[in-house]
Amino acid sequence: MVLDQTSHSTRSSEHFLRNLYFTRTVVQIAWAGTVLATAPASPRLGVLLVLLYPVWDVVCTVRDLRLNPQPASRGLQLANAFLGSAAAIAVGVFGAMQLRYAVAAFGLWALLAGLLQLGVGLARRRSLKGQWAMILSGAQSALAGAVFLVNGLQEKMHIKDLGGYAIFGGVYFLIAGLLLNRKGQNEKAVAN
């Protein structure tokens, strides 16, 4: 009976994560399109959109923590929620001063959040399959964040340049969701 409960719990976690990953894909691609379309014409709207991105990440992380408590990744996810909240504040404050600081603050957040996502993916890889896409996404986010941070401070990047970052993240979430979906279908086929 305990094995059945553990198996059901894992399937529920995978189902939840799959849906969360698909939702994140849609939101991130919509966010990227909005940033690309509006940021050049309205830099202040761009700052607001950049501020909302880490807020969205915090919402997803908190939801994940509530519905999919993985002891191995819990501390990393709590750190990510705190980091995203601080990043939203920093983007708002620094964006009010100069746009390049908003890009740099977003870059610092992407760098650190990417490292945390990498850690979460590594911690979950044994209990939840399909995490290699999250591991790659975390590594790419950390690298892109470093580029945004340095280039933002040097005014070589602008808010509109952040749109591509979200598109790549959305693709990784889509891949992870499809992998979890395929795993769930394979398990159903074996059970039948």
N, C-alpha and C. Protein backbone atom coordinates (compact mmCIF):
# COMPACT_ATOMS: atom_id res chain seq x y z
N MET A 1 0.82 -1.20 0.00
CA MET A 1 0.00 0.00 0.00
C MET A 1 0.86 1.26 0.00
N VAL A 2 1.95 1.27 0.79
CA VAL A 2 2.83 2.43 0.85
C VAL A 2 3.47 2.67 -0.52
N LEU A 3 3.85 1.59 -1.19
CA LEU A 3 4.44 1.72 -2.53
C LEU A 3 3.44 2.34 -3.50
N ASP A 4 2.16 1.93 -3.43
CA ASP A 4 1.15 2.51 -4.29
C ASP A 4 0.95 4.00 -4.01
N GLN A 5 0.98 4.39 -2.72
CA GLN A 5 0.83 5.79 -2.36
C GLN A 5 2.02 6.60 -2.87
N THR A 6 3.22 6.06 -2.76
CA THR A 6 4.42 6.75 -3.24
C THR A 6 4.37 6.89 -4.75
N SER A 7 3.96 5.83 -5.43
CA SER A 7 3.84 5.85 -6.89
C SER A 7 2.79 6.87 -7.33
N HIS A 8 1.65 6.90 -6.62
CA HIS A 8 0.60 7.87 -6.94
C HIS A 8 1.08 9.29 -6.69
N SER A 9 1.80 9.48 -5.59
CA SER A 9 2.34 10.81 -5.27
C SER A 9 3.31 11.29 -6.34
N THR A 10 4.16 10.39 -6.82
CA THR A 10 5.11 10.75 -7.88
C THR A 10 4.37 11.09 -9.17
N ARG A 11 3.34 10.30 -9.51
CA ARG A 11 2.55 10.59 -10.71
C ARG A 11 1.85 11.93 -10.59
N SER A 12 1.30 12.23 -9.40
CA SER A 12 0.64 13.52 -9.18
C SER A 12 1.63 14.66 -9.33
N SER A 13 2.83 14.49 -8.78
CA SER A 13 3.87 15.52 -8.91
C SER A 13 4.23 15.74 -10.37
N GLU A 14 4.38 14.65 -11.10
CA GLU A 14 4.74 14.77 -12.52
C GLU A 14 3.62 15.42 -13.32
N HIS A 15 2.38 15.07 -13.01
CA HIS A 15 1.23 15.67 -13.70
C HIS A 15 1.18 17.18 -13.42
N PHE A 16 1.34 17.54 -12.16
CA PHE A 16 1.34 18.96 -11.79
C PHE A 16 2.48 19.70 -12.50
N LEU A 17 3.68 19.15 -12.44
CA LEU A 17 4.82 19.81 -13.08
C LEU A 17 4.62 19.95 -14.58
N ARG A 18 4.09 18.91 -15.20
CA ARG A 18 3.83 18.99 -16.64
C ARG A 18 2.92 20.17 -16.96
N ASN A 19 1.83 20.30 -16.21
CA ASN A 19 0.90 21.41 -16.45
C ASN A 19 1.54 22.76 -16.15
N LEU A 20 2.34 22.81 -15.08
CA LEU A 20 3.03 24.04 -14.75
C LEU A 20 4.02 24.42 -15.85
N TYR A 21 4.74 23.45 -16.37
CA TYR A 21 5.70 23.72 -17.44
C TYR A 21 5.00 24.21 -18.70
N PHE A 22 3.88 23.61 -19.05
CA PHE A 22 3.14 24.07 -20.23
C PHE A 22 2.61 25.49 -20.03
N THR A 23 2.11 25.78 -18.83
CA THR A 23 1.62 27.13 -18.54
C THR A 23 2.76 28.14 -18.63
N ARG A 24 3.89 27.79 -18.07
CA ARG A 24 5.05 28.69 -18.12
C ARG A 24 5.48 28.93 -19.57
N THR A 25 5.41 27.92 -20.40
CA THR A 25 5.77 28.09 -21.81
C THR A 25 4.91 29.16 -22.46
N VAL A 26 3.60 29.05 -22.29
CA VAL A 26 2.67 30.00 -22.90
C VAL A 26 2.90 31.40 -22.37
N VAL A 27 3.01 31.54 -21.05
CA VAL A 27 3.18 32.87 -20.45
C VAL A 27 4.51 33.48 -20.88
N GLN A 28 5.57 32.71 -20.90
CA GLN A 28 6.88 33.26 -21.27
C GLN A 28 6.92 33.71 -22.72
N ILE A 29 6.32 32.95 -23.60
CA ILE A 29 6.32 33.35 -25.01
C ILE A 29 5.44 34.59 -25.20
N ALA A 30 4.32 34.66 -24.50
CA ALA A 30 3.47 35.86 -24.58
C ALA A 30 4.22 37.07 -24.00
N TRP A 31 4.92 36.86 -22.89
CA TRP A 31 5.70 37.95 -22.28
C TRP A 31 6.77 38.43 -23.25
N ALA A 32 7.47 37.50 -23.87
CA ALA A 32 8.54 37.87 -24.81
C ALA A 32 7.98 38.67 -25.98
N GLY A 33 6.86 38.22 -26.52
CA GLY A 33 6.25 38.95 -27.63
C GLY A 33 5.84 40.36 -27.22
N THR A 34 5.29 40.49 -26.02
CA THR A 34 4.88 41.80 -25.54
C THR A 34 6.09 42.71 -25.33
N VAL A 35 7.16 42.17 -24.75
CA VAL A 35 8.38 42.97 -24.55
C VAL A 35 8.96 43.40 -25.89
N LEU A 36 9.05 42.49 -26.82
CA LEU A 36 9.62 42.82 -28.13
C LEU A 36 8.78 43.86 -28.86
N ALA A 37 7.47 43.79 -28.68
CA ALA A 37 6.57 44.71 -29.39
C ALA A 37 6.48 46.09 -28.72
N THR A 38 6.58 46.14 -27.40
CA THR A 38 6.30 47.41 -26.71
C THR A 38 7.52 48.12 -26.14
N ALA A 39 8.55 47.38 -25.77
CA ALA A 39 9.69 48.00 -25.08
C ALA A 39 10.38 49.10 -25.90
N PRO A 40 10.57 48.91 -27.21
CA PRO A 40 11.23 49.99 -27.95
C PRO A 40 10.43 51.30 -27.94
N ALA A 41 9.11 51.20 -28.00
CA ALA A 41 8.27 52.40 -28.04
C ALA A 41 8.01 52.98 -26.65
N SER A 42 7.99 52.13 -25.64
CA SER A 42 7.67 52.58 -24.28
C SER A 42 8.63 51.93 -23.28
N PRO A 43 9.78 52.53 -23.06
CA PRO A 43 10.76 51.94 -22.14
C PRO A 43 10.22 51.73 -20.72
N ARG A 44 9.36 52.62 -20.25
CA ARG A 44 8.82 52.46 -18.89
C ARG A 44 7.90 51.25 -18.80
N LEU A 45 7.12 51.01 -19.85
CA LEU A 45 6.31 49.79 -19.89
C LEU A 45 7.24 48.58 -19.92
N GLY A 46 8.35 48.72 -20.63
CA GLY A 46 9.34 47.64 -20.66
C GLY A 46 9.86 47.32 -19.27
N VAL A 47 10.13 48.36 -18.47
CA VAL A 47 10.59 48.14 -17.09
C VAL A 47 9.53 47.40 -16.29
N LEU A 48 8.27 47.81 -16.45
CA LEU A 48 7.18 47.12 -15.75
C LEU A 48 7.13 45.65 -16.15
N LEU A 49 7.24 45.38 -17.44
CA LEU A 49 7.22 43.99 -17.90
C LEU A 49 8.40 43.20 -17.35
N VAL A 50 9.58 43.82 -17.32
CA VAL A 50 10.76 43.14 -16.78
C VAL A 50 10.58 42.88 -15.29
N LEU A 51 9.95 43.79 -14.58
CA LEU A 51 9.65 43.61 -13.17
C LEU A 51 8.69 42.43 -12.96
N LEU A 52 7.73 42.28 -13.86
CA LEU A 52 6.74 41.21 -13.73
C LEU A 52 7.31 39.82 -13.97
N TYR A 53 8.39 39.74 -14.73
CA TYR A 53 8.95 38.41 -15.05
C TYR A 53 9.42 37.66 -13.80
N PRO A 54 10.25 38.27 -12.93
CA PRO A 54 10.60 37.53 -11.72
C PRO A 54 9.42 37.33 -10.77
N VAL A 55 8.43 38.23 -10.81
CA VAL A 55 7.23 38.03 -9.99
C VAL A 55 6.51 36.76 -10.46
N TRP A 56 6.38 36.59 -11.76
CA TRP A 56 5.77 35.38 -12.33
C TRP A 56 6.55 34.15 -11.89
N ASP A 57 7.87 34.23 -11.91
CA ASP A 57 8.70 33.11 -11.49
C ASP A 57 8.45 32.78 -10.02
N VAL A 58 8.29 33.80 -9.17
CA VAL A 58 8.00 33.58 -7.75
C VAL A 58 6.66 32.88 -7.60
N VAL A 59 5.64 33.33 -8.33
CA VAL A 59 4.31 32.70 -8.26
C VAL A 59 4.42 31.23 -8.62
N CYS A 60 5.13 30.92 -9.69
CA CYS A 60 5.29 29.52 -10.11
C CYS A 60 6.07 28.71 -9.08
N THR A 61 7.10 29.30 -8.52
CA THR A 61 7.90 28.60 -7.52
C THR A 61 7.09 28.31 -6.26
N VAL A 62 6.32 29.28 -5.80
CA VAL A 62 5.50 29.08 -4.60
C VAL A 62 4.44 28.01 -4.87
N ARG A 63 3.84 28.07 -6.03
CA ARG A 63 2.84 27.04 -6.40
C ARG A 63 3.49 25.66 -6.43
N ASP A 64 4.67 25.58 -7.00
CA ASP A 64 5.41 24.33 -7.06
C ASP A 64 5.71 23.83 -5.64
N LEU A 65 6.14 24.72 -4.77
CA LEU A 65 6.45 24.33 -3.39
C LEU A 65 5.22 23.79 -2.66
N ARG A 66 4.07 24.41 -2.91
CA ARG A 66 2.85 23.99 -2.21
C ARG A 66 2.33 22.65 -2.71
N LEU A 67 2.38 22.43 -4.00
CA LEU A 67 1.75 21.24 -4.58
C LEU A 67 2.71 20.11 -4.89
N ASN A 68 4.00 20.39 -4.81
CA ASN A 68 4.98 19.38 -5.18
C ASN A 68 6.18 19.48 -4.22
N PRO A 69 5.94 19.26 -2.94
CA PRO A 69 7.04 19.44 -1.99
C PRO A 69 8.11 18.35 -2.15
N GLN A 70 9.21 18.73 -2.72
CA GLN A 70 10.36 17.83 -2.89
C GLN A 70 11.41 18.22 -1.85
N PRO A 71 11.62 17.41 -0.84
CA PRO A 71 12.58 17.79 0.20
C PRO A 71 13.97 18.13 -0.35
N ALA A 72 14.40 17.45 -1.38
CA ALA A 72 15.75 17.68 -1.91
C ALA A 72 15.91 19.06 -2.53
N SER A 73 14.82 19.63 -3.04
CA SER A 73 14.94 20.91 -3.74
C SER A 73 14.27 22.06 -2.99
N ARG A 74 13.68 21.80 -1.86
CA ARG A 74 12.90 22.81 -1.14
C ARG A 74 13.71 24.06 -0.78
N GLY A 75 14.89 23.89 -0.23
CA GLY A 75 15.71 25.04 0.15
C GLY A 75 16.09 25.89 -1.05
N LEU A 76 16.41 25.25 -2.16
CA LEU A 76 16.75 25.98 -3.38
C LEU A 76 15.55 26.76 -3.90
N GLN A 77 14.37 26.15 -3.82
CA GLN A 77 13.17 26.83 -4.30
C GLN A 77 12.79 28.01 -3.40
N LEU A 78 12.96 27.85 -2.10
CA LEU A 78 12.70 28.97 -1.19
C LEU A 78 13.67 30.12 -1.47
N ALA A 79 14.93 29.79 -1.70
CA ALA A 79 15.92 30.82 -2.05
C ALA A 79 15.53 31.50 -3.36
N ASN A 80 15.03 30.73 -4.31
CA ASN A 80 14.61 31.30 -5.60
C ASN A 80 13.43 32.24 -5.43
N ALA A 81 12.48 31.89 -4.58
CA ALA A 81 11.32 32.76 -4.34
C ALA A 81 11.77 34.08 -3.69
N PHE A 82 12.66 34.00 -2.74
CA PHE A 82 13.19 35.21 -2.10
C PHE A 82 13.95 36.05 -3.12
N LEU A 83 14.79 35.40 -3.91
CA LEU A 83 15.59 36.09 -4.93
C LEU A 83 14.71 36.78 -5.96
N GLY A 84 13.66 36.11 -6.42
CA GLY A 84 12.75 36.71 -7.40
C GLY A 84 12.03 37.93 -6.85
N SER A 85 11.63 37.86 -5.58
CA SER A 85 10.98 39.01 -4.95
C SER A 85 11.94 40.19 -4.87
N ALA A 86 13.17 39.92 -4.45
CA ALA A 86 14.18 40.98 -4.37
C ALA A 86 14.50 41.54 -5.76
N ALA A 87 14.53 40.68 -6.76
CA ALA A 87 14.82 41.12 -8.13
C ALA A 87 13.73 42.04 -8.65
N ALA A 88 12.47 41.72 -8.37
CA ALA A 88 11.37 42.58 -8.83
C ALA A 88 11.50 43.97 -8.23
N ILE A 89 11.82 44.02 -6.95
CA ILE A 89 12.01 45.32 -6.30
C ILE A 89 13.19 46.06 -6.92
N ALA A 90 14.30 45.35 -7.11
CA ALA A 90 15.50 45.97 -7.68
C ALA A 90 15.25 46.50 -9.09
N VAL A 91 14.55 45.72 -9.92
CA VAL A 91 14.25 46.17 -11.29
C VAL A 91 13.42 47.44 -11.24
N GLY A 92 12.42 47.48 -10.36
CA GLY A 92 11.58 48.66 -10.24
C GLY A 92 12.35 49.89 -9.77
N VAL A 93 13.16 49.71 -8.74
CA VAL A 93 13.93 50.83 -8.20
C VAL A 93 14.98 51.30 -9.19
N PHE A 94 15.78 50.37 -9.70
CA PHE A 94 16.86 50.76 -10.62
C PHE A 94 16.33 51.20 -11.97
N GLY A 95 15.21 50.61 -12.40
CA GLY A 95 14.61 51.02 -13.67
C GLY A 95 14.10 52.44 -13.62
N ALA A 96 13.71 52.91 -12.43
CA ALA A 96 13.28 54.29 -12.28
C ALA A 96 14.46 55.25 -12.42
N MET A 97 15.65 54.76 -12.13
CA MET A 97 16.85 55.60 -12.25
C MET A 97 17.35 55.63 -13.70
N GLN A 98 17.70 54.44 -14.19
CA GLN A 98 18.18 54.31 -15.57
C GLN A 98 17.82 52.93 -16.07
N LEU A 99 17.42 52.86 -17.32
CA LEU A 99 16.98 51.59 -17.90
C LEU A 99 18.09 50.54 -17.88
N ARG A 100 19.32 50.97 -18.06
CA ARG A 100 20.40 50.00 -18.09
C ARG A 100 20.53 49.27 -16.77
N TYR A 101 20.19 49.96 -15.67
CA TYR A 101 20.25 49.31 -14.37
C TYR A 101 19.15 48.25 -14.22
N ALA A 102 18.01 48.49 -14.85
CA ALA A 102 16.94 47.48 -14.84
C ALA A 102 17.41 46.22 -15.56
N VAL A 103 18.08 46.39 -16.69
CA VAL A 103 18.61 45.25 -17.44
C VAL A 103 19.67 44.53 -16.61
N ALA A 104 20.54 45.29 -15.97
CA ALA A 104 21.59 44.69 -15.15
C ALA A 104 21.00 43.94 -13.95
N ALA A 105 19.99 44.52 -13.30
CA ALA A 105 19.35 43.85 -12.16
C ALA A 105 18.67 42.57 -12.62
N PHE A 106 18.00 42.62 -13.78
CA PHE A 106 17.39 41.42 -14.34
C PHE A 106 18.47 40.38 -14.63
N GLY A 107 19.61 40.84 -15.15
CA GLY A 107 20.71 39.93 -15.45
C GLY A 107 21.24 39.24 -14.20
N LEU A 108 21.40 39.99 -13.13
CA LEU A 108 21.87 39.39 -11.88
C LEU A 108 20.86 38.35 -11.39
N TRP A 109 19.57 38.70 -11.48
CA TRP A 109 18.55 37.73 -11.09
C TRP A 109 18.61 36.49 -11.98
N ALA A 110 18.70 36.66 -13.29
CA ALA A 110 18.74 35.51 -14.21
C ALA A 110 19.96 34.62 -13.92
N LEU A 111 21.07 35.24 -13.62
CA LEU A 111 22.29 34.49 -13.28
C LEU A 111 22.06 33.64 -12.04
N LEU A 112 21.61 34.26 -10.96
CA LEU A 112 21.44 33.53 -9.70
C LEU A 112 20.27 32.54 -9.77
N ALA A 113 19.16 32.96 -10.38
CA ALA A 113 18.01 32.06 -10.52
C ALA A 113 18.36 30.86 -11.40
N GLY A 114 19.18 31.10 -12.42
CA GLY A 114 19.62 29.99 -13.27
C GLY A 114 20.43 28.97 -12.49
N LEU A 115 21.31 29.45 -11.63
CA LEU A 115 22.08 28.53 -10.79
C LEU A 115 21.18 27.74 -9.85
N LEU A 116 20.16 28.42 -9.28
CA LEU A 116 19.22 27.72 -8.42
C LEU A 116 18.39 26.71 -9.20
N GLN A 117 17.95 27.08 -10.42
CA GLN A 117 17.18 26.15 -11.25
C GLN A 117 18.03 24.94 -11.62
N LEU A 118 19.28 25.17 -11.91
CA LEU A 118 20.21 24.07 -12.18
C LEU A 118 20.25 23.13 -10.98
N GLY A 119 20.36 23.70 -9.77
CA GLY A 119 20.37 22.88 -8.56
C GLY A 119 19.08 22.11 -8.35
N VAL A 120 17.93 22.75 -8.60
CA VAL A 120 16.64 22.07 -8.46
C VAL A 120 16.54 20.92 -9.46
N GLY A 121 16.94 21.17 -10.70
CA GLY A 121 16.90 20.11 -11.72
C GLY A 121 17.77 18.92 -11.33
N LEU A 122 18.96 19.22 -10.82
CA LEU A 122 19.86 18.14 -10.39
C LEU A 122 19.27 17.38 -9.20
N ALA A 123 18.66 18.10 -8.27
CA ALA A 123 18.07 17.45 -7.09
C ALA A 123 16.87 16.58 -7.47
N ARG A 124 16.12 16.99 -8.48
CA ARG A 124 14.91 16.26 -8.87
C ARG A 124 15.17 15.16 -9.90
N ARG A 125 16.32 15.11 -10.48
CA ARG A 125 16.55 14.22 -11.62
C ARG A 125 16.31 12.75 -11.30
N ARG A 126 16.46 12.36 -10.05
CA ARG A 126 16.25 10.95 -9.69
C ARG A 126 14.79 10.63 -9.41
N SER A 127 14.10 11.58 -8.77
CA SER A 127 12.70 11.32 -8.40
C SER A 127 11.71 11.69 -9.50
N LEU A 128 12.06 12.66 -10.32
CA LEU A 128 11.18 13.08 -11.42
C LEU A 128 11.98 13.10 -12.71
N LYS A 129 11.55 12.31 -13.65
CA LYS A 129 12.28 12.24 -14.92
C LYS A 129 12.02 13.48 -15.76
N GLY A 130 12.80 13.66 -16.82
CA GLY A 130 12.61 14.78 -17.73
C GLY A 130 13.21 16.07 -17.24
N GLN A 131 14.10 16.00 -16.26
CA GLN A 131 14.66 17.22 -15.68
C GLN A 131 15.89 17.72 -16.43
N TRP A 132 16.39 16.97 -17.39
CA TRP A 132 17.58 17.44 -18.12
C TRP A 132 17.32 18.76 -18.82
N ALA A 133 16.09 18.99 -19.28
CA ALA A 133 15.77 20.27 -19.92
C ALA A 133 15.85 21.41 -18.91
N MET A 134 15.44 21.15 -17.67
CA MET A 134 15.52 22.18 -16.63
C MET A 134 16.98 22.43 -16.24
N ILE A 135 17.79 21.39 -16.26
CA ILE A 135 19.21 21.53 -15.95
C ILE A 135 19.87 22.41 -17.02
N LEU A 136 19.59 22.12 -18.29
CA LEU A 136 20.14 22.94 -19.38
C LEU A 136 19.61 24.37 -19.32
N SER A 137 18.34 24.52 -19.02
CA SER A 137 17.74 25.85 -18.91
C SER A 137 18.40 26.66 -17.81
N GLY A 138 18.65 26.02 -16.68
CA GLY A 138 19.31 26.71 -15.58
C GLY A 138 20.71 27.17 -15.96
N ALA A 139 21.45 26.29 -16.62
CA ALA A 139 22.81 26.65 -17.05
C ALA A 139 22.78 27.80 -18.05
N GLN A 140 21.85 27.73 -19.01
CA GLN A 140 21.76 28.80 -20.01
C GLN A 140 21.30 30.11 -19.37
N SER A 141 20.39 30.03 -18.41
CA SER A 141 19.92 31.23 -17.73
C SER A 141 21.06 31.90 -16.99
N ALA A 142 21.89 31.11 -16.32
CA ALA A 142 23.03 31.67 -15.60
C ALA A 142 23.99 32.37 -16.56
N LEU A 143 24.26 31.74 -17.68
CA LEU A 143 25.16 32.33 -18.68
C LEU A 143 24.55 33.61 -19.26
N ALA A 144 23.29 33.54 -19.67
CA ALA A 144 22.62 34.72 -20.23
C ALA A 144 22.55 35.84 -19.20
N GLY A 145 22.28 35.48 -17.95
CA GLY A 145 22.21 36.48 -16.89
C GLY A 145 23.52 37.23 -16.73
N ALA A 146 24.63 36.50 -16.81
CA ALA A 146 25.94 37.16 -16.71
C ALA A 146 26.13 38.15 -17.86
N VAL A 147 25.71 37.75 -19.05
CA VAL A 147 25.81 38.64 -20.23
C VAL A 147 24.93 39.87 -20.04
N PHE A 148 23.68 39.67 -19.57
CA PHE A 148 22.77 40.80 -19.35
C PHE A 148 23.33 41.76 -18.30
N LEU A 149 23.89 41.20 -17.26
CA LEU A 149 24.44 42.03 -16.18
C LEU A 149 25.57 42.91 -16.70
N VAL A 150 26.54 42.30 -17.34
CA VAL A 150 27.70 43.06 -17.83
C VAL A 150 27.30 44.02 -18.93
N ASN A 151 26.56 43.54 -19.92
CA ASN A 151 26.18 44.40 -21.05
C ASN A 151 25.15 45.46 -20.66
N GLY A 152 24.31 45.15 -19.68
CA GLY A 152 23.35 46.16 -19.21
C GLY A 152 24.08 47.32 -18.56
N LEU A 153 25.05 47.02 -17.73
CA LEU A 153 25.82 48.09 -17.08
C LEU A 153 26.60 48.93 -18.09
N GLN A 154 26.99 48.30 -19.19
CA GLN A 154 27.74 49.02 -20.22
C GLN A 154 26.83 49.63 -21.28
N GLU A 155 25.52 49.54 -21.07
CA GLU A 155 24.51 50.04 -22.01
C GLU A 155 24.62 49.41 -23.40
N LYS A 156 25.04 48.16 -23.45
CA LYS A 156 25.12 47.43 -24.72
C LYS A 156 23.88 46.57 -24.94
N MET A 157 23.01 46.46 -23.94
CA MET A 157 21.78 45.69 -24.06
C MET A 157 20.63 46.57 -23.61
N HIS A 158 19.47 46.27 -24.16
CA HIS A 158 18.27 47.03 -23.82
C HIS A 158 17.18 46.06 -23.40
N ILE A 159 16.12 46.60 -22.86
CA ILE A 159 15.04 45.76 -22.35
C ILE A 159 14.50 44.83 -23.43
N LYS A 160 14.38 45.31 -24.65
CA LYS A 160 13.83 44.46 -25.71
C LYS A 160 14.69 43.22 -25.95
N ASP A 161 15.98 43.31 -25.63
CA ASP A 161 16.88 42.18 -25.83
C ASP A 161 16.58 41.01 -24.89
N LEU A 162 15.79 41.27 -23.85
CA LEU A 162 15.47 40.22 -22.89
C LEU A 162 14.39 39.28 -23.41
N GLY A 163 13.69 39.67 -24.47
CA GLY A 163 12.62 38.83 -25.02
C GLY A 163 13.10 37.46 -25.45
N GLY A 164 14.26 37.40 -26.08
CA GLY A 164 14.79 36.12 -26.53
C GLY A 164 15.08 35.18 -25.38
N TYR A 165 15.50 35.73 -24.27
CA TYR A 165 15.77 34.93 -23.06
C TYR A 165 14.51 34.15 -22.66
N ALA A 166 13.38 34.84 -22.63
CA ALA A 166 12.13 34.21 -22.23
C ALA A 166 11.68 33.16 -23.23
N ILE A 167 11.93 33.40 -24.50
CA ILE A 167 11.56 32.42 -25.52
C ILE A 167 12.33 31.12 -25.32
N PHE A 168 13.65 31.24 -25.11
CA PHE A 168 14.44 30.03 -24.86
C PHE A 168 13.97 29.31 -23.61
N GLY A 169 13.69 30.07 -22.54
CA GLY A 169 13.18 29.45 -21.32
C GLY A 169 11.86 28.73 -21.57
N GLY A 170 10.99 29.36 -22.36
CA GLY A 170 9.72 28.74 -22.69
C GLY A 170 9.89 27.43 -23.46
N VAL A 171 10.86 27.41 -24.36
CA VAL A 171 11.13 26.17 -25.13
C VAL A 171 11.61 25.07 -24.19
N TYR A 172 12.48 25.41 -23.25
CA TYR A 172 12.93 24.40 -22.28
C TYR A 172 11.78 23.88 -21.43
N PHE A 173 10.89 24.78 -20.99
CA PHE A 173 9.73 24.33 -20.23
C PHE A 173 8.83 23.44 -21.08
N LEU A 174 8.67 23.77 -22.35
CA LEU A 174 7.88 22.94 -23.25
C LEU A 174 8.48 21.54 -23.37
N ILE A 175 9.78 21.47 -23.57
CA ILE A 175 10.45 20.17 -23.68
C ILE A 175 10.27 19.36 -22.40
N ALA A 176 10.49 20.00 -21.25
CA ALA A 176 10.33 19.29 -19.98
C ALA A 176 8.89 18.79 -19.81
N GLY A 177 7.92 19.62 -20.17
CA GLY A 177 6.52 19.21 -20.08
C GLY A 177 6.20 18.04 -21.00
N LEU A 178 6.72 18.08 -22.22
CA LEU A 178 6.50 16.98 -23.17
C LEU A 178 7.15 15.69 -22.67
N LEU A 179 8.33 15.79 -22.08
CA LEU A 179 9.00 14.60 -21.54
C LEU A 179 8.18 13.99 -20.40
N LEU A 180 7.68 14.84 -19.51
CA LEU A 180 6.84 14.32 -18.42
C LEU A 180 5.55 13.74 -18.96
N ASN A 181 4.97 14.35 -19.99
CA ASN A 181 3.75 13.83 -20.59
C ASN A 181 4.00 12.46 -21.21
N ARG A 182 5.12 12.35 -21.93
CA ARG A 182 5.45 11.06 -22.57
C ARG A 182 5.68 9.98 -21.52
N LYS A 183 6.36 10.33 -20.45
CA LYS A 183 6.60 9.37 -19.38
C LYS A 183 5.28 8.89 -18.79
N GLY A 184 4.35 9.83 -18.56
CA GLY A 184 3.04 9.47 -18.02
C GLY A 184 2.26 8.56 -18.96
N GLN A 185 2.33 8.83 -20.25
CA GLN A 185 1.64 7.98 -21.22
C GLN A 185 2.25 6.58 -21.28
N ASN A 186 3.59 6.52 -21.19
CA ASN A 186 4.26 5.22 -21.19
C ASN A 186 3.88 4.40 -19.96
N GLU A 187 3.78 5.05 -18.80
CA GLU A 187 3.41 4.35 -17.58
C GLU A 187 1.97 3.86 -17.66
N LYS A 188 1.07 4.64 -18.26
CA LYS A 188 -0.31 4.20 -18.41
C LYS A 188 -0.39 2.99 -19.32
N ALA A 189 0.40 3.02 -20.41
CA ALA A 189 0.39 1.90 -21.34
C ALA A 189 0.89 0.62 -20.67
N VAL A 190 1.91 0.74 -19.85
CA VAL A 190 2.47 -0.43 -19.15
C VAL A 190 1.46 -0.95 -18.13
N ALA A 191 0.76 -0.04 -17.44
CA ALA A 191 -0.22 -0.43 -16.42
C ALA A 191 -1.41 -1.16 -17.04
N ASN A 192 -1.75 -0.77 -18.28
CA ASN A 192 -2.91 -1.41 -18.93
C ASN A 192 -2.44 -2.69 -19.53
